[in-house]
């Protein structure tokens, strides 16, 4: 794998971890504020943000698959013909 592809994978993984951390932090914030505000808590807004973070994670998954396919193709392999070992 060339340096460019390696850096792209690293960046993709860093961003994925950051977004996953953002989801956890949003859950923590949700719990703290929901408890303090009770019925005044803006649940719909929090769900909208969760949905947006989910869309970002979906995008990152697709980008990861696309990058993997491109790396395999560059190496002369067909992405659909690669089998991963189970152990």
C-alpha atoms as a PDB file:
ATOM      1  CA  UNK A   1       0.000   0.000   0.000  1.00  0.00           C
ATOM      2  CA  UNK A   2       1.396   3.350  -0.952  1.00  0.00           C
ATOM      3  CA  UNK A   3       1.828   6.200   1.446  1.00  0.00           C
ATOM      4  CA  UNK A   4      -1.154   8.129   0.052  1.00  0.00           C
ATOM      5  CA  UNK A   5      -3.522   5.204   0.585  1.00  0.00           C
ATOM      6  CA  UNK A   6      -2.114   4.570   4.040  1.00  0.00           C
ATOM      7  CA  UNK A   7      -2.646   8.184   5.035  1.00  0.00           C
ATOM      8  CA  UNK A   8      -6.187   8.104   3.631  1.00  0.00           C
ATOM      9  CA  UNK A   9      -7.025   5.006   5.681  1.00  0.00           C
ATOM     10  CA  UNK A  10      -5.538   6.579   8.803  1.00  0.00           C
ATOM     11  CA  UNK A  11      -7.510   9.781   8.273  1.00  0.00           C
ATOM     12  CA  UNK A  12     -10.705   7.819   7.637  1.00  0.00           C
ATOM     13  CA  UNK A  13     -10.216   5.797  10.820  1.00  0.00           C
ATOM     14  CA  UNK A  14      -9.399   8.895  12.883  1.00  0.00           C
ATOM     15  CA  UNK A  15     -12.543  10.617  11.663  1.00  0.00           C
ATOM     16  CA  UNK A  16     -14.659   7.507  12.319  1.00  0.00           C
ATOM     17  CA  UNK A  17     -13.349   7.283  15.882  1.00  0.00           C
ATOM     18  CA  UNK A  18     -14.014  11.001  16.385  1.00  0.00           C
ATOM     19  CA  UNK A  19     -17.596  10.708  15.206  1.00  0.00           C
ATOM     20  CA  UNK A  20     -18.142   7.599  17.350  1.00  0.00           C
ATOM     21  CA  UNK A  21     -16.809   9.579  20.313  1.00  0.00           C
ATOM     22  CA  UNK A  22     -19.168  12.403  19.374  1.00  0.00           C
ATOM     23  CA  UNK A  23     -22.089   9.968  19.559  1.00  0.00           C
ATOM     24  CA  UNK A  24     -20.990   8.828  23.029  1.00  0.00           C
ATOM     25  CA  UNK A  25     -20.573  12.425  24.198  1.00  0.00           C
ATOM     26  CA  UNK A  26     -23.989  13.342  22.813  1.00  0.00           C
ATOM     27  CA  UNK A  27     -25.492  10.430  24.762  1.00  0.00           C
ATOM     28  CA  UNK A  28     -23.776  11.652  27.930  1.00  0.00           C
ATOM     29  CA  UNK A  29     -25.009  15.198  27.347  1.00  0.00           C
ATOM     30  CA  UNK A  30     -28.494  13.877  26.601  1.00  0.00           C
ATOM     31  CA  UNK A  31     -28.578  12.012  29.899  1.00  0.00           C
ATOM     32  CA  UNK A  32     -27.358  14.961  31.945  1.00  0.00           C
ATOM     33  CA  UNK A  33     -29.594  17.573  30.358  1.00  0.00           C
ATOM     34  CA  UNK A  34     -32.665  15.341  30.083  1.00  0.00           C
ATOM     35  CA  UNK A  35     -32.432  14.675  33.810  1.00  0.00           C
ATOM     36  CA  UNK A  36     -32.086  18.396  34.605  1.00  0.00           C
ATOM     37  CA  UNK A  37     -34.740  19.694  32.179  1.00  0.00           C
ATOM     38  CA  UNK A  38     -37.342  16.969  32.358  1.00  0.00           C
ATOM     39  CA  UNK A  39     -40.215  17.685  29.969  1.00  0.00           C
ATOM     40  CA  UNK A  40     -38.482  20.793  28.546  1.00  0.00           C
ATOM     41  CA  UNK A  41     -35.719  18.628  27.061  1.00  0.00           C
ATOM     42  CA  UNK A  42     -35.455  19.085  23.253  1.00  0.00           C
ATOM     43  CA  UNK A  43     -35.610  15.343  22.436  1.00  0.00           C
ATOM     44  CA  UNK A  44     -36.383  15.881  18.739  1.00  0.00           C
ATOM     45  CA  UNK A  45     -33.299  18.026  18.246  1.00  0.00           C
ATOM     46  CA  UNK A  46     -31.098  15.430  19.906  1.00  0.00           C
ATOM     47  CA  UNK A  47     -32.563  12.687  17.716  1.00  0.00           C
ATOM     48  CA  UNK A  48     -31.907  14.844  14.637  1.00  0.00           C
ATOM     49  CA  UNK A  49     -28.261  15.265  15.637  1.00  0.00           C
ATOM     50  CA  UNK A  50     -27.968  11.507  16.325  1.00  0.00           C
ATOM     51  CA  UNK A  51     -29.374  10.870  12.862  1.00  0.00           C
ATOM     52  CA  UNK A  52     -26.853  13.236  11.296  1.00  0.00           C
ATOM     53  CA  UNK A  53     -23.977  11.555  13.111  1.00  0.00           C
ATOM     54  CA  UNK A  54     -25.333   8.206  11.928  1.00  0.00           C
ATOM     55  CA  UNK A  55     -25.350   9.498   8.353  1.00  0.00           C
ATOM     56  CA  UNK A  56     -21.721  10.569   8.744  1.00  0.00           C
ATOM     57  CA  UNK A  57     -20.796   7.094  10.016  1.00  0.00           C
ATOM     58  CA  UNK A  58     -22.628   5.530   7.053  1.00  0.00           C
ATOM     59  CA  UNK A  59     -20.691   7.811   4.704  1.00  0.00           C
ATOM     60  CA  UNK A  60     -17.399   6.839   6.338  1.00  0.00           C
ATOM     61  CA  UNK A  61     -18.254   3.145   5.987  1.00  0.00           C
ATOM     62  CA  UNK A  62     -18.963   3.614   2.280  1.00  0.00           C
ATOM     63  CA  UNK A  63     -15.742   5.593   1.846  1.00  0.00           C
ATOM     64  CA  UNK A  64     -13.811   2.841   3.590  1.00  0.00           C
ATOM     65  CA  UNK A  65     -15.249   0.233   1.228  1.00  0.00           C
ATOM     66  CA  UNK A  66     -14.556   2.451  -1.773  1.00  0.00           C
ATOM     67  CA  UNK A  67     -10.979   3.058  -0.663  1.00  0.00           C
ATOM     68  CA  UNK A  68     -10.422  -0.649  -0.045  1.00  0.00           C
ATOM     69  CA  UNK A  69     -11.754  -1.496  -3.511  1.00  0.00           C
ATOM     70  CA  UNK A  70      -9.508   1.134  -5.078  1.00  0.00           C
ATOM     71  CA  UNK A  71      -6.452  -0.195  -3.227  1.00  0.00           C
ATOM     72  CA  UNK A  72      -7.222  -3.758  -4.316  1.00  0.00           C
ATOM     73  CA  UNK A  73      -7.843  -2.647  -7.887  1.00  0.00           C
ATOM     74  CA  UNK A  74      -4.563  -0.717  -7.953  1.00  0.00           C
ATOM     75  CA  UNK A  75      -2.837  -3.881  -6.755  1.00  0.00           C
ATOM     76  CA  UNK A  76      -4.396  -5.855  -9.616  1.00  0.00           C
ATOM     77  CA  UNK A  77      -6.994  -7.686  -7.520  1.00  0.00           C
ATOM     78  CA  UNK A  78     -10.752  -7.774  -7.952  1.00  0.00           C
ATOM     79  CA  UNK A  79     -12.460  -6.624  -4.734  1.00  0.00           C
ATOM     80  CA  UNK A  80     -15.319  -9.138  -5.047  1.00  0.00           C
ATOM     81  CA  UNK A  81     -12.967 -12.101  -5.401  1.00  0.00           C
ATOM     82  CA  UNK A  82     -11.014 -11.639  -2.190  1.00  0.00           C
ATOM     83  CA  UNK A  83     -11.842 -14.013   0.653  1.00  0.00           C
ATOM     84  CA  UNK A  84     -10.940 -13.178   4.176  1.00  0.00           C
ATOM     85  CA  UNK A  85      -9.727 -15.911   6.475  1.00  0.00           C
ATOM     86  CA  UNK A  86     -12.040 -16.690   9.355  1.00  0.00           C
ATOM     87  CA  UNK A  87      -9.394 -17.199  11.968  1.00  0.00           C
END
